[in-house]
C-alpha atoms as a PDB file:
ATOM      1  CA  MET A   1      73.508 103.327  91.718  1.00  0.00           C
ATOM      2  CA  ILE A   2      77.091 102.971  93.226  1.00  0.00           C
ATOM      3  CA  GLY A   3      79.599 103.907  90.643  1.00  0.00           C
ATOM      4  CA  ALA A   4      79.641 106.740  88.040  1.00  0.00           C
ATOM      5  CA  GLY A   5      81.342 105.084  85.184  1.00  0.00           C
ATOM      6  CA  PRO A   6      79.837 104.566  81.807  1.00  0.00           C
ATOM      7  CA  THR A   7      77.674 101.548  82.976  1.00  0.00           C
ATOM      8  CA  GLY A   8      76.459 103.390  86.178  1.00  0.00           C
ATOM      9  CA  VAL A   9      75.683 106.634  84.394  1.00  0.00           C
ATOM     10  CA  THR A  10      73.797 104.992  81.428  1.00  0.00           C
ATOM     11  CA  ALA A  11      71.697 102.864  83.808  1.00  0.00           C
ATOM     12  CA  ALA A  12      70.976 105.855  86.123  1.00  0.00           C
ATOM     13  CA  LEU A  13      70.081 107.996  83.183  1.00  0.00           C
ATOM     14  CA  ASP A  14      67.641 105.416  81.601  1.00  0.00           C
ATOM     15  CA  ILE A  15      65.861 104.799  85.114  1.00  0.00           C
ATOM     16  CA  PHE A  16      65.617 108.431  85.641  1.00  0.00           C
ATOM     17  CA  ASN A  17      64.125 109.065  82.262  1.00  0.00           C
ATOM     18  CA  ALA A  18      61.542 106.405  82.840  1.00  0.00           C
ATOM     19  CA  GLY A  19      60.295 108.425  85.771  1.00  0.00           C
ATOM     20  CA  LEU A  20      61.679 106.221  88.556  1.00  0.00           C
ATOM     21  CA  LYS A  21      63.533 107.551  91.491  1.00  0.00           C
ATOM     22  CA  VAL A  22      67.159 106.973  91.300  1.00  0.00           C
ATOM     23  CA  VAL A  23      70.384 108.319  93.086  1.00  0.00           C
ATOM     24  CA  LEU A  24      73.714 108.008  91.577  1.00  0.00           C
ATOM     25  CA  VAL A  25      76.499 107.761  94.124  1.00  0.00           C
ATOM     26  CA  HIS A  26      79.735 109.211  92.775  1.00  0.00           C
ATOM     27  CA  ARG A  27      82.977 108.900  94.725  1.00  0.00           C
ATOM     28  CA  PRO A  28      85.114 112.000  93.904  1.00  0.00           C
ATOM     29  CA  GLY A  29      88.653 111.369  92.578  1.00  0.00           C
ATOM     30  CA  LYS A  30      90.044 109.634  89.604  1.00  0.00           C
ATOM     31  CA  ASP A  31      90.017 105.847  89.030  1.00  0.00           C
ATOM     32  CA  PRO A  32      93.913 105.072  88.951  1.00  0.00           C
ATOM     33  CA  CYS A  33      93.223 102.499  86.231  1.00  0.00           C
ATOM     34  CA  ALA A  34      91.435 105.115  84.021  1.00  0.00           C
ATOM     35  CA  VAL A  35      93.783 108.003  84.499  1.00  0.00           C
ATOM     36  CA  GLY A  36      95.776 108.557  81.230  1.00  0.00           C
ATOM     37  CA  ARG A  37      94.156 105.466  79.576  1.00  0.00           C
ATOM     38  CA  ALA A  38      92.976 105.643  76.021  1.00  0.00           C
ATOM     39  CA  GLU A  39      90.722 103.177  74.301  1.00  0.00           C
ATOM     40  CA  THR A  40      88.609 102.884  71.145  1.00  0.00           C
ATOM     41  CA  VAL A  41      84.947 103.014  70.717  1.00  0.00           C
ATOM     42  CA  HIS A  42      82.546 102.614  67.708  1.00  0.00           C
ATOM     43  CA  ALA A  43      80.556 105.479  66.400  1.00  0.00           C
ATOM     44  CA  ALA A  44      77.358 103.607  66.910  1.00  0.00           C
ATOM     45  CA  THR A  45      78.018 103.192  70.576  1.00  0.00           C
ATOM     46  CA  LEU A  46      78.579 106.989  70.999  1.00  0.00           C
ATOM     47  CA  ALA A  47      75.477 107.540  68.956  1.00  0.00           C
ATOM     48  CA  SER A  48      73.418 105.295  71.192  1.00  0.00           C
ATOM     49  CA  LEU A  49      73.922 107.509  74.098  1.00  0.00           C
ATOM     50  CA  LYS A  50      71.452 109.843  72.572  1.00  0.00           C
ATOM     51  CA  ARG A  51      68.753 107.369  73.663  1.00  0.00           C
ATOM     52  CA  SER A  52      69.738 108.322  77.076  1.00  0.00           C
ATOM     53  CA  GLY A  53      69.660 112.033  76.411  1.00  0.00           C
ATOM     54  CA  ILE A  54      73.431 112.582  75.913  1.00  0.00           C
ATOM     55  CA  GLU A  55      74.431 114.433  72.750  1.00  0.00           C
ATOM     56  CA  ILE A  56      77.855 113.514  71.099  1.00  0.00           C
ATOM     57  CA  SER A  57      78.684 117.190  71.416  1.00  0.00           C
ATOM     58  CA  ALA A  58      78.794 116.834  75.166  1.00  0.00           C
ATOM     59  CA  LEU A  59      81.619 114.358  74.821  1.00  0.00           C
ATOM     60  CA  ARG A  60      83.643 116.115  72.121  1.00  0.00           C
ATOM     61  CA  GLN A  61      86.583 117.121  74.241  1.00  0.00           C
ATOM     62  CA  ALA A  62      87.102 113.500  75.077  1.00  0.00           C
ATOM     63  CA  VAL A  63      86.759 111.972  71.819  1.00  0.00           C
ATOM     64  CA  SER A  64      88.989 111.991  68.641  1.00  0.00           C
ATOM     65  CA  PRO A  65      88.294 110.184  65.352  1.00  0.00           C
ATOM     66  CA  LEU A  66      90.585 107.343  64.216  1.00  0.00           C
ATOM     67  CA  GLU A  67      91.844 107.330  60.649  1.00  0.00           C
ATOM     68  CA  GLY A  68      92.915 103.643  60.310  1.00  0.00           C
ATOM     69  CA  VAL A  69      93.888 100.324  61.803  1.00  0.00           C
ATOM     70  CA  THR A  70      97.159  98.619  61.134  1.00  0.00           C
ATOM     71  CA  SER A  71      97.603  95.126  62.509  1.00  0.00           C
ATOM     72  CA  LYS A  72     100.168  92.310  62.315  1.00  0.00           C
ATOM     73  CA  TRP A  73      98.201  89.220  63.345  1.00  0.00           C
ATOM     74  CA  GLY A  74      97.781  85.705  62.075  1.00  0.00           C
ATOM     75  CA  ASN A  75     100.514  84.656  59.664  1.00  0.00           C
ATOM     76  CA  GLY A  76     102.562  87.686  60.069  1.00  0.00           C
ATOM     77  CA  ASP A  77     101.151  89.734  57.203  1.00  0.00           C
ATOM     78  CA  VAL A  78     100.410  93.349  57.872  1.00  0.00           C
ATOM     79  CA  PHE A  79      96.861  94.627  57.208  1.00  0.00           C
ATOM     80  CA  ASN A  80      95.781  98.171  56.821  1.00  0.00           C
ATOM     81  CA  GLU A  81      92.142  99.209  56.908  1.00  0.00           C
ATOM     82  CA  VAL A  82      90.110 102.500  57.104  1.00  0.00           C
ATOM     83  CA  ALA A  83      88.519 103.128  60.641  1.00  0.00           C
ATOM     84  CA  ASP A  84      86.038 105.811  59.704  1.00  0.00           C
ATOM     85  CA  GLN A  85      83.493 104.587  62.293  1.00  0.00           C
ATOM     86  CA  ARG A  86      85.830 104.285  65.296  1.00  0.00           C
ATOM     87  CA  PHE A  87      87.089 106.795  67.798  1.00  0.00           C
ATOM     88  CA  VAL A  88      89.704 107.177  70.543  1.00  0.00           C
ATOM     89  CA  ILE A  89      88.508 108.277  73.925  1.00  0.00           C
ATOM     90  CA  THR A  90      90.607 109.472  76.796  1.00  0.00           C
ATOM     91  CA  ARG A  91      88.922 107.319  79.461  1.00  0.00           C
ATOM     92  CA  ALA A  92      89.137 109.537  82.592  1.00  0.00           C
ATOM     93  CA  LEU A  93      87.974 112.682  80.727  1.00  0.00           C
ATOM     94  CA  PHE A  94      85.184 110.609  78.905  1.00  0.00           C
ATOM     95  CA  ASP A  95      83.894 109.492  82.295  1.00  0.00           C
ATOM     96  CA  ASP A  96      83.900 113.138  83.537  1.00  0.00           C
ATOM     97  CA  CYS A  97      81.921 114.294  80.404  1.00  0.00           C
ATOM     98  CA  LEU A  98      79.284 111.486  80.928  1.00  0.00           C
ATOM     99  CA  LEU A  99      78.844 112.527  84.590  1.00  0.00           C
ATOM    100  CA  ALA A 100      78.564 116.141  83.793  1.00  0.00           C
ATOM    101  CA  ALA A 101      75.980 115.492  81.188  1.00  0.00           C
ATOM    102  CA  ALA A 102      73.898 113.399  83.685  1.00  0.00           C
ATOM    103  CA  ARG A 103      74.089 116.328  86.138  1.00  0.00           C
ATOM    104  CA  MET A 104      72.787 118.650  83.397  1.00  0.00           C
ATOM    105  CA  LEU A 105      69.961 116.337  82.671  1.00  0.00           C
ATOM    106  CA  GLY A 106      68.903 116.375  86.264  1.00  0.00           C
ATOM    107  CA  VAL A 107      69.900 112.899  87.526  1.00  0.00           C
ATOM    108  CA  PRO A 108      70.350 113.179  91.257  1.00  0.00           C
ATOM    109  CA  ILE A 109      73.985 112.763  92.145  1.00  0.00           C
ATOM    110  CA  VAL A 110      75.428 112.297  95.603  1.00  0.00           C
ATOM    111  CA  ASP A 111      79.106 112.918  95.885  1.00  0.00           C
ATOM    112  CA  GLY A 112      80.580 110.636  98.598  1.00  0.00           C
ATOM    113  CA  ALA A 113      81.966 107.126  99.401  1.00  0.00           C
ATOM    114  CA  VAL A 114      79.781 104.391 100.586  1.00  0.00           C
ATOM    115  CA  GLU A 115      80.685 102.968 103.912  1.00  0.00           C
ATOM    116  CA  ALA A 116      78.184 100.124 104.309  1.00  0.00           C
ATOM    117  CA  ILE A 117      74.973  98.693 102.923  1.00  0.00           C
ATOM    118  CA  ASP A 118      72.463  97.421 105.589  1.00  0.00           C
ATOM    119  CA  ASN A 119      70.004  94.752 104.437  1.00  0.00           C
ATOM    120  CA  THR A 120      67.990  94.456 107.693  1.00  0.00           C
ATOM    121  CA  GLY A 121      64.402  93.378 107.198  1.00  0.00           C
ATOM    122  CA  GLY A 122      64.635  93.340 103.469  1.00  0.00           C
ATOM    123  CA  GLN A 123      65.053  97.170 103.197  1.00  0.00           C
ATOM    124  CA  LEU A 124      68.395  98.224 101.800  1.00  0.00           C
ATOM    125  CA  THR A 125      70.020 101.257 103.379  1.00  0.00           C
ATOM    126  CA  VAL A 126      73.147 102.644 101.914  1.00  0.00           C
ATOM    127  CA  VAL A 127      75.305 104.390 104.473  1.00  0.00           C
ATOM    128  CA  LEU A 128      77.837 107.014 103.242  1.00  0.00           C
ATOM    129  CA  ARG A 129      81.194 107.742 104.991  1.00  0.00           C
ATOM    130  CA  ASP A 130      79.987 111.175 106.143  1.00  0.00           C
ATOM    131  CA  GLY A 131      77.023 109.777 108.004  1.00  0.00           C
ATOM    132  CA  ARG A 132      74.317 110.287 105.317  1.00  0.00           C
ATOM    133  CA  SER A 133      72.036 107.342 104.461  1.00  0.00           C
ATOM    134  CA  LEU A 134      69.877 106.511 101.452  1.00  0.00           C
ATOM    135  CA  ALA A 135      66.998 104.017 101.533  1.00  0.00           C
ATOM    136  CA  ALA A 136      66.584 101.895  98.401  1.00  0.00           C
ATOM    137  CA  SER A 137      64.527  99.201  96.889  1.00  0.00           C
ATOM    138  CA  PHE A 138      67.463  98.120  94.826  1.00  0.00           C
ATOM    139  CA  VAL A 139      71.201  98.836  94.879  1.00  0.00           C
ATOM    140  CA  LEU A 140      73.122  98.508  91.640  1.00  0.00           C
ATOM    141  CA  ASP A 141      76.871  97.746  92.068  1.00  0.00           C
ATOM    142  CA  ALA A 142      78.678  99.590  89.143  1.00  0.00           C
ATOM    143  CA  THR A 143      81.932  99.723  91.038  1.00  0.00           C
ATOM    144  CA  GLY A 144      83.841  98.143  88.192  1.00  0.00           C
ATOM    145  CA  ARG A 145      86.250  95.238  88.440  1.00  0.00           C
ATOM    146  CA  SER A 146      86.347  95.387  92.266  1.00  0.00           C
ATOM    147  CA  ALA A 147      82.631  94.406  92.536  1.00  0.00           C
ATOM    148  CA  LYS A 148      83.077  95.579  96.082  1.00  0.00           C
ATOM    149  CA  TRP A 149      79.511  95.367  97.138  1.00  0.00           C
ATOM    150  CA  ALA A 150      78.463  92.189  95.259  1.00  0.00           C
ATOM    151  CA  HIS A 151      81.443  90.509  97.058  1.00  0.00           C
ATOM    152  CA  ARG A 152      80.188  91.780 100.371  1.00  0.00           C
ATOM    153  CA  PHE A 153      76.822  90.283  99.665  1.00  0.00           C
ATOM    154  CA  GLY A 154      78.269  86.846  98.993  1.00  0.00           C
ATOM    155  CA  ALA A 155      78.955  86.621  95.180  1.00  0.00           C
ATOM    156  CA  LYS A 156      81.753  84.452  94.184  1.00  0.00           C
ATOM    157  CA  GLU A 157      84.233  85.260  91.371  1.00  0.00           C
ATOM    158  CA  ASN A 158      85.135  82.947  88.626  1.00  0.00           C
ATOM    159  CA  LYS A 159      88.393  84.092  86.989  1.00  0.00           C
ATOM    160  CA  ILE A 160      89.180  82.755  83.525  1.00  0.00           C
ATOM    161  CA  ASP A 161      92.601  84.073  83.093  1.00  0.00           C
ATOM    162  CA  THR A 162      95.230  86.493  84.486  1.00  0.00           C
ATOM    163  CA  LEU A 163      95.542  88.915  81.544  1.00  0.00           C
ATOM    164  CA  THR A 164      97.418  92.079  82.750  1.00  0.00           C
ATOM    165  CA  ALA A 165      98.111  95.385  80.875  1.00  0.00           C
ATOM    166  CA  LEU A 166     101.372  97.303  81.079  1.00  0.00           C
ATOM    167  CA  SER A 167     100.921 100.866  79.618  1.00  0.00           C
ATOM    168  CA  ALA A 168     103.171 103.846  78.766  1.00  0.00           C
ATOM    169  CA  THR A 169     102.923 106.954  76.639  1.00  0.00           C
ATOM    170  CA  TYR A 170     105.550 107.606  73.907  1.00  0.00           C
ATOM    171  CA  SER A 171     106.059 110.223  71.148  1.00  0.00           C
ATOM    172  CA  ALA A 172     105.192 108.906  67.786  1.00  0.00           C
ATOM    173  CA  PRO A 173     103.702 111.543  65.543  1.00  0.00           C
ATOM    174  CA  GLU A 174     104.512 109.564  62.455  1.00  0.00           C
ATOM    175  CA  LEU A 175     101.823 107.051  63.385  1.00  0.00           C
ATOM    176  CA  LYS A 176      99.090 109.726  63.386  1.00  0.00           C
ATOM    177  CA  LYS A 177      95.635 108.785  64.277  1.00  0.00           C
ATOM    178  CA  ILE A 178      95.952 104.975  63.623  1.00  0.00           C
ATOM    179  CA  LEU A 179      95.345 102.094  65.997  1.00  0.00           C
ATOM    180  CA  VAL A 180      98.182  99.599  65.803  1.00  0.00           C
ATOM    181  CA  VAL A 181      97.738  95.981  66.991  1.00  0.00           C
ATOM    182  CA  GLU A 182     100.474  93.300  66.939  1.00  0.00           C
ATOM    183  CA  ALA A 183     101.119  89.927  68.491  1.00  0.00           C
ATOM    184  CA  VAL A 184     104.282  88.690  70.123  1.00  0.00           C
ATOM    185  CA  GLU A 185     105.296  85.415  71.702  1.00  0.00           C
ATOM    186  CA  ASP A 186     103.825  85.976  75.113  1.00  0.00           C
ATOM    187  CA  GLY A 187     101.150  88.492  74.479  1.00  0.00           C
ATOM    188  CA  TRP A 188     100.104  91.373  72.160  1.00  0.00           C
ATOM    189  CA  PHE A 189     100.406  95.145  71.843  1.00  0.00           C
ATOM    190  CA  SER A 190      97.671  97.739  71.262  1.00  0.00           C
ATOM    191  CA  SER A 191      98.663 101.259  70.516  1.00  0.00           C
ATOM    192  CA  VAL A 192      96.393 104.318  70.106  1.00  0.00           C
ATOM    193  CA  PRO A 193      96.893 108.041  69.826  1.00  0.00           C
ATOM    194  CA  ASP A 194      95.999 110.205  72.810  1.00  0.00           C
ATOM    195  CA  LEU A 195      94.514 113.645  72.748  1.00  0.00           C
ATOM    196  CA  LYS A 196      97.851 115.314  73.380  1.00  0.00           C
ATOM    197  CA  ASP A 197      99.794 114.169  70.296  1.00  0.00           C
ATOM    198  CA  GLY A 198     101.397 111.231  72.269  1.00  0.00           C
ATOM    199  CA  ARG A 199     100.798 107.609  71.792  1.00  0.00           C
ATOM    200  CA  GLN A 200      99.603 105.170  74.482  1.00  0.00           C
ATOM    201  CA  VAL A 201     101.329 101.664  74.110  1.00  0.00           C
ATOM    202  CA  THR A 202      99.851  98.761  75.940  1.00  0.00           C
ATOM    203  CA  PHE A 203     101.314  95.329  76.307  1.00  0.00           C
ATOM    204  CA  PHE A 204      98.790  92.644  77.282  1.00  0.00           C
ATOM    205  CA  THR A 205     100.284  89.479  78.779  1.00  0.00           C
ATOM    206  CA  ASP A 206      99.845  87.093  81.720  1.00  0.00           C
ATOM    207  CA  ARG A 207     100.385  88.397  85.192  1.00  0.00           C
ATOM    208  CA  THR A 208     103.330  85.972  85.807  1.00  0.00           C
ATOM    209  CA  VAL A 209     105.277  87.587  82.875  1.00  0.00           C
ATOM    210  CA  ILE A 210     105.236  91.073  84.407  1.00  0.00           C
ATOM    211  CA  GLY A 211     107.478  90.539  87.415  1.00  0.00           C
ATOM    212  CA  THR A 212     108.401  93.335  89.773  1.00  0.00           C
ATOM    213  CA  SER A 213     107.825  97.089  89.347  1.00  0.00           C
ATOM    214  CA  HIS A 214     111.610  97.496  88.828  1.00  0.00           C
ATOM    215  CA  GLY A 215     111.686  95.479  85.718  1.00  0.00           C
ATOM    216  CA  ARG A 216     108.497  96.700  83.952  1.00  0.00           C
ATOM    217  CA  ARG A 217     110.071  99.407  81.850  1.00  0.00           C
ATOM    218  CA  ASP A 218     112.812  96.954  80.642  1.00  0.00           C
ATOM    219  CA  LEU A 219     110.129  94.291  79.916  1.00  0.00           C
ATOM    220  CA  LEU A 220     108.169  96.812  77.875  1.00  0.00           C
ATOM    221  CA  LEU A 221     111.127  97.897  75.916  1.00  0.00           C
ATOM    222  CA  ALA A 222     112.234  94.208  75.309  1.00  0.00           C
ATOM    223  CA  ARG A 223     108.760  93.203  73.993  1.00  0.00           C
ATOM    224  CA  LEU A 224     108.686  96.399  71.903  1.00  0.00           C
ATOM    225  CA  SER A 225     111.885  95.429  70.222  1.00  0.00           C
ATOM    226  CA  GLU A 226     110.195  92.040  69.189  1.00  0.00           C
ATOM    227  CA  THR A 227     107.513  93.890  67.143  1.00  0.00           C
ATOM    228  CA  SER A 228     107.688  95.107  63.589  1.00  0.00           C
ATOM    229  CA  LEU A 229     105.110  98.052  63.748  1.00  0.00           C
ATOM    230  CA  LEU A 230     106.285  99.463  67.030  1.00  0.00           C
ATOM    231  CA  ARG A 231     109.898  98.499  67.293  1.00  0.00           C
ATOM    232  CA  HIS A 232     111.248 102.049  66.738  1.00  0.00           C
ATOM    233  CA  LEU A 233     109.688 102.990  70.169  1.00  0.00           C
ATOM    234  CA  SER A 234     112.009 100.649  71.940  1.00  0.00           C
ATOM    235  CA  GLY A 235     114.770 103.190  71.589  1.00  0.00           C
ATOM    236  CA  GLN A 236     112.636 105.738  73.499  1.00  0.00           C
ATOM    237  CA  ASN A 237     112.067 106.414  77.187  1.00  0.00           C
ATOM    238  CA  PRO A 238     108.352 106.580  77.912  1.00  0.00           C
ATOM    239  CA  HIS A 239     106.902 109.891  79.168  1.00  0.00           C
ATOM    240  CA  GLU A 240     106.387 108.314  82.542  1.00  0.00           C
ATOM    241  CA  PRO A 241     106.955 104.937  84.282  1.00  0.00           C
ATOM    242  CA  PRO A 242     104.831 102.179  82.843  1.00  0.00           C
ATOM    243  CA  LYS A 243     101.396 101.691  84.628  1.00  0.00           C
ATOM    244  CA  LEU A 244     100.067  98.217  85.505  1.00  0.00           C
ATOM    245  CA  TRP A 245      96.330  97.601  85.355  1.00  0.00           C
ATOM    246  CA  ALA A 246      94.135  94.415  85.467  1.00  0.00           C
ATOM    247  CA  ALA A 247      92.587  93.097  82.216  1.00  0.00           C
ATOM    248  CA  ASP A 248      91.641  89.644  83.376  1.00  0.00           C
ATOM    249  CA  LEU A 249      88.517  87.855  82.142  1.00  0.00           C
ATOM    250  CA  LYS A 250      86.181  87.034  84.990  1.00  0.00           C
ATOM    251  CA  THR A 251      82.453  86.665  85.829  1.00  0.00           C
ATOM    252  CA  LEU A 252      80.412  86.399  89.080  1.00  0.00           C
ATOM    253  CA  ASP A 253      78.581  83.154  89.986  1.00  0.00           C
ATOM    254  CA  GLN A 254      75.516  85.275  90.446  1.00  0.00           C
ATOM    255  CA  SER A 255      74.999  89.027  89.855  1.00  0.00           C
ATOM    256  CA  ALA A 256      71.863  89.605  91.850  1.00  0.00           C
ATOM    257  CA  ARG A 257      71.481  88.926  95.626  1.00  0.00           C
ATOM    258  CA  SER A 258      69.006  90.344  98.070  1.00  0.00           C
ATOM    259  CA  ASN A 259      68.061  93.211  95.645  1.00  0.00           C
ATOM    260  CA  LEU A 260      71.834  94.179  95.091  1.00  0.00           C
ATOM    261  CA  ILE A 261      72.638  93.806  91.445  1.00  0.00           C
ATOM    262  CA  ALA A 262      76.151  93.824  89.999  1.00  0.00           C
ATOM    263  CA  ILE A 263      76.325  95.459  86.451  1.00  0.00           C
ATOM    264  CA  GLY A 264      78.934  96.162  83.881  1.00  0.00           C
ATOM    265  CA  ASP A 265      82.596  95.149  84.878  1.00  0.00           C
ATOM    266  CA  ALA A 266      81.333  94.316  88.311  1.00  0.00           C
ATOM    267  CA  ALA A 267      79.317  91.490  87.008  1.00  0.00           C
ATOM    268  CA  GLN A 268      81.775  90.303  84.316  1.00  0.00           C
ATOM    269  CA  THR A 269      84.518  91.550  82.196  1.00  0.00           C
ATOM    270  CA  ILE A 270      85.598  91.024  78.524  1.00  0.00           C
ATOM    271  CA  ASP A 271      88.817  90.577  76.744  1.00  0.00           C
ATOM    272  CA  PRO A 272      90.168  93.952  75.522  1.00  0.00           C
ATOM    273  CA  LEU A 273      91.178  92.293  72.262  1.00  0.00           C
ATOM    274  CA  SER A 274      87.554  92.482  71.201  1.00  0.00           C
ATOM    275  CA  GLY A 275      87.740  96.197  71.267  1.00  0.00           C
ATOM    276  CA  SER A 276      84.213  96.392  72.525  1.00  0.00           C
ATOM    277  CA  GLY A 277      84.765  97.300  76.243  1.00  0.00           C
ATOM    278  CA  MET A 278      82.844 100.632  76.096  1.00  0.00           C
ATOM    279  CA  THR A 279      80.050  99.162  74.012  1.00  0.00           C
ATOM    280  CA  ALA A 280      79.605  96.397  76.499  1.00  0.00           C
ATOM    281  CA  ALA A 281      79.534  98.861  79.462  1.00  0.00           C
ATOM    282  CA  ILE A 282      76.799 100.922  77.941  1.00  0.00           C
ATOM    283  CA  HIS A 283      74.866  97.940  76.804  1.00  0.00           C
ATOM    284  CA  ASN A 284      75.095  96.440  80.258  1.00  0.00           C
ATOM    285  CA  GLY A 285      73.840  99.652  81.979  1.00  0.00           C
ATOM    286  CA  ARG A 286      70.951  99.847  79.557  1.00  0.00           C
ATOM    287  CA  SER A 287      69.983  96.205  80.120  1.00  0.00           C
ATOM    288  CA  ALA A 288      70.073  96.610  83.875  1.00  0.00           C
ATOM    289  CA  ALA A 289      67.952  99.629  83.665  1.00  0.00           C
ATOM    290  CA  ASN A 290      65.360  98.031  81.440  1.00  0.00           C
ATOM    291  CA  ALA A 291      65.119  95.099  83.757  1.00  0.00           C
ATOM    292  CA  ILE A 292      64.512  97.403  86.737  1.00  0.00           C
ATOM    293  CA  ILE A 293      62.098  99.522  84.869  1.00  0.00           C
ATOM    294  CA  ALA A 294      60.053  96.246  83.765  1.00  0.00           C
ATOM    295  CA  HIS A 295      60.043  95.039  87.366  1.00  0.00           C
ATOM    296  CA  ARG A 296      58.696  98.189  88.815  1.00  0.00           C
ATOM    297  CA  HIS A 297      55.950  98.679  86.101  1.00  0.00           C
ATOM    298  CA  SER A 298      54.850  95.100  85.731  1.00  0.00           C
ATOM    299  CA  GLY A 299      56.359  93.072  88.517  1.00  0.00           C
ATOM    300  CA  ARG A 300      58.528  91.077  85.981  1.00  0.00           C
ATOM    301  CA  THR A 301      61.228  89.176  87.814  1.00  0.00           C
ATOM    302  CA  LEU A 302      64.946  90.015  87.194  1.00  0.00           C
ATOM    303  CA  SER A 303      65.890  86.433  86.355  1.00  0.00           C
ATOM    304  CA  SER A 304      65.978  87.439  82.598  1.00  0.00           C
ATOM    305  CA  LEU A 305      68.902  89.783  83.270  1.00  0.00           C
ATOM    306  CA  GLU A 306      70.917  87.055  84.851  1.00  0.00           C
ATOM    307  CA  HIS A 307      70.126  84.722  81.856  1.00  0.00           C
ATOM    308  CA  SER A 308      71.165  87.223  79.294  1.00  0.00           C
ATOM    309  CA  ARG A 309      74.287  88.062  81.215  1.00  0.00           C
ATOM    310  CA  ARG A 310      75.442  84.524  81.233  1.00  0.00           C
ATOM    311  CA  ALA A 311      74.511  84.068  77.568  1.00  0.00           C
ATOM    312  CA  GLU A 312      76.387  87.133  76.544  1.00  0.00           C
ATOM    313  CA  PHE A 313      79.514  85.854  78.499  1.00  0.00           C
ATOM    314  CA  GLU A 314      79.402  82.442  76.874  1.00  0.00           C
ATOM    315  CA  ASN A 315      79.111  84.106  73.538  1.00  0.00           C
ATOM    316  CA  HIS A 316      82.105  86.331  74.339  1.00  0.00           C
ATOM    317  CA  LEU A 317      84.161  83.097  75.261  1.00  0.00           C
ATOM    318  CA  ARG A 318      83.431  81.706  71.855  1.00  0.00           C
ATOM    319  CA  LEU A 319      84.369  85.034  70.035  1.00  0.00           C
ATOM    320  CA  ARG A 320      87.550  85.233  72.225  1.00  0.00           C
ATOM    321  CA  ALA A 321      88.715  81.910  71.291  1.00  0.00           C
ATOM    322  CA  ALA A 322      88.163  82.635  67.578  1.00  0.00           C
ATOM    323  CA  TYR A 323      90.071  85.959  67.869  1.00  0.00           C
ATOM    324  CA  TYR A 324      93.164  84.157  69.403  1.00  0.00           C
ATOM    325  CA  ASN A 325      92.996  81.131  67.063  1.00  0.00           C
ATOM    326  CA  VAL A 326      93.701  83.487  64.136  1.00  0.00           C
ATOM    327  CA  GLU A 327      97.134  84.047  65.445  1.00  0.00           C
ATOM    328  CA  ASN A 328      99.242  81.122  64.060  1.00  0.00           C
ATOM    329  CA  ARG A 329     102.887  82.038  64.601  1.00  0.00           C
ATOM    330  CA  PHE A 330     102.811  81.535  68.491  1.00  0.00           C
ATOM    331  CA  ALA A 331     100.150  78.754  68.579  1.00  0.00           C
ATOM    332  CA  GLN A 332     102.159  76.574  70.884  1.00  0.00           C
ATOM    333  CA  GLY A 333     103.095  79.270  73.336  1.00  0.00           C
ATOM    334  CA  ARG A 334     101.553  79.129  76.811  1.00  0.00           C
ATOM    335  CA  PHE A 335      99.943  82.478  76.388  1.00  0.00           C
ATOM    336  CA  TRP A 336      98.117  81.549  73.318  1.00  0.00           C
ATOM    337  CA  THR A 337      97.276  77.903  73.926  1.00  0.00           C
ATOM    338  CA  ALA A 338      95.448  79.179  77.137  1.00  0.00           C
ATOM    339  CA  ARG A 339      93.195  81.252  75.121  1.00  0.00           C
ATOM    340  CA  ARG A 340      92.563  79.199  71.963  1.00  0.00           C
ATOM    341  CA  THR A 341      89.874  77.285  73.440  1.00  0.00           C
ATOM    342  CA  CYS A 342      86.341  78.202  74.802  1.00  0.00           C
ATOM    343  CA  VAL A 343      86.570  77.702  78.596  1.00  0.00           C
END
């Protein structure tokens, strides 16, 4: 298992708990896209980790409950709802807690970077940068959006859009523990509280809108001034320069090649508007583990994993179009028209 994010850790735990040999390869150091990033997760998703042996108490320092959701979407009305089953997680800290829990449960973890994967004679050998090597029947690529090893094995990427996120942290104690979502002409905002009494504000738009790094702060402030719910933040300087990270929707033409299987974001991503990124990550890890376990115990092929992956992606495209079609005020804008149909 290459990659120790939520997908990789969940899959490794389930395979390990089934009595099969598995090694989780973790590259020390923080994912720059995860550092400082906060996102929401449903309570049921956190509870589902207990099936893999992880208690919610092991994640407590990375998780904080949400109290409500305020949104301005559709015809411009503001909606308020209770969010008693949703939590905010600090992503980098959450990943650290998951990995620590896997170590405590006995999953073999190798700290190091993968240098190469040799597929000579049908036997996979993972070579680490320090010279160590690991023989494997299967290699699961859980390297996230880069899908580094799946691409090396010939997988082709089908990119659906160029959604990009621009994030910064502000002081906004008046918003408390509330998720705020609001649409603007060329994108949409999501704002969640972090664990340090700050507020992460993220603007999702097309890559062509972002421009150069010199103009990112001004762009963020300008778009904030177009909102109703977050406009007061446009008069503040963010705590640090805005960070740019990829949020594009994409899928691989084939996730399994020569016993190397891409899972999680390495196989396909989902639109963050769904709010189900963490749920999908854990579900994908569990599905991959179940397929591997069934193959080893009964010889069942892995084709069902590919079929279910494609069906899930097609379903997500339909849901994505439905979400974006709710927004009526900017229906003719380029950003919105590109997302109002099921590709």
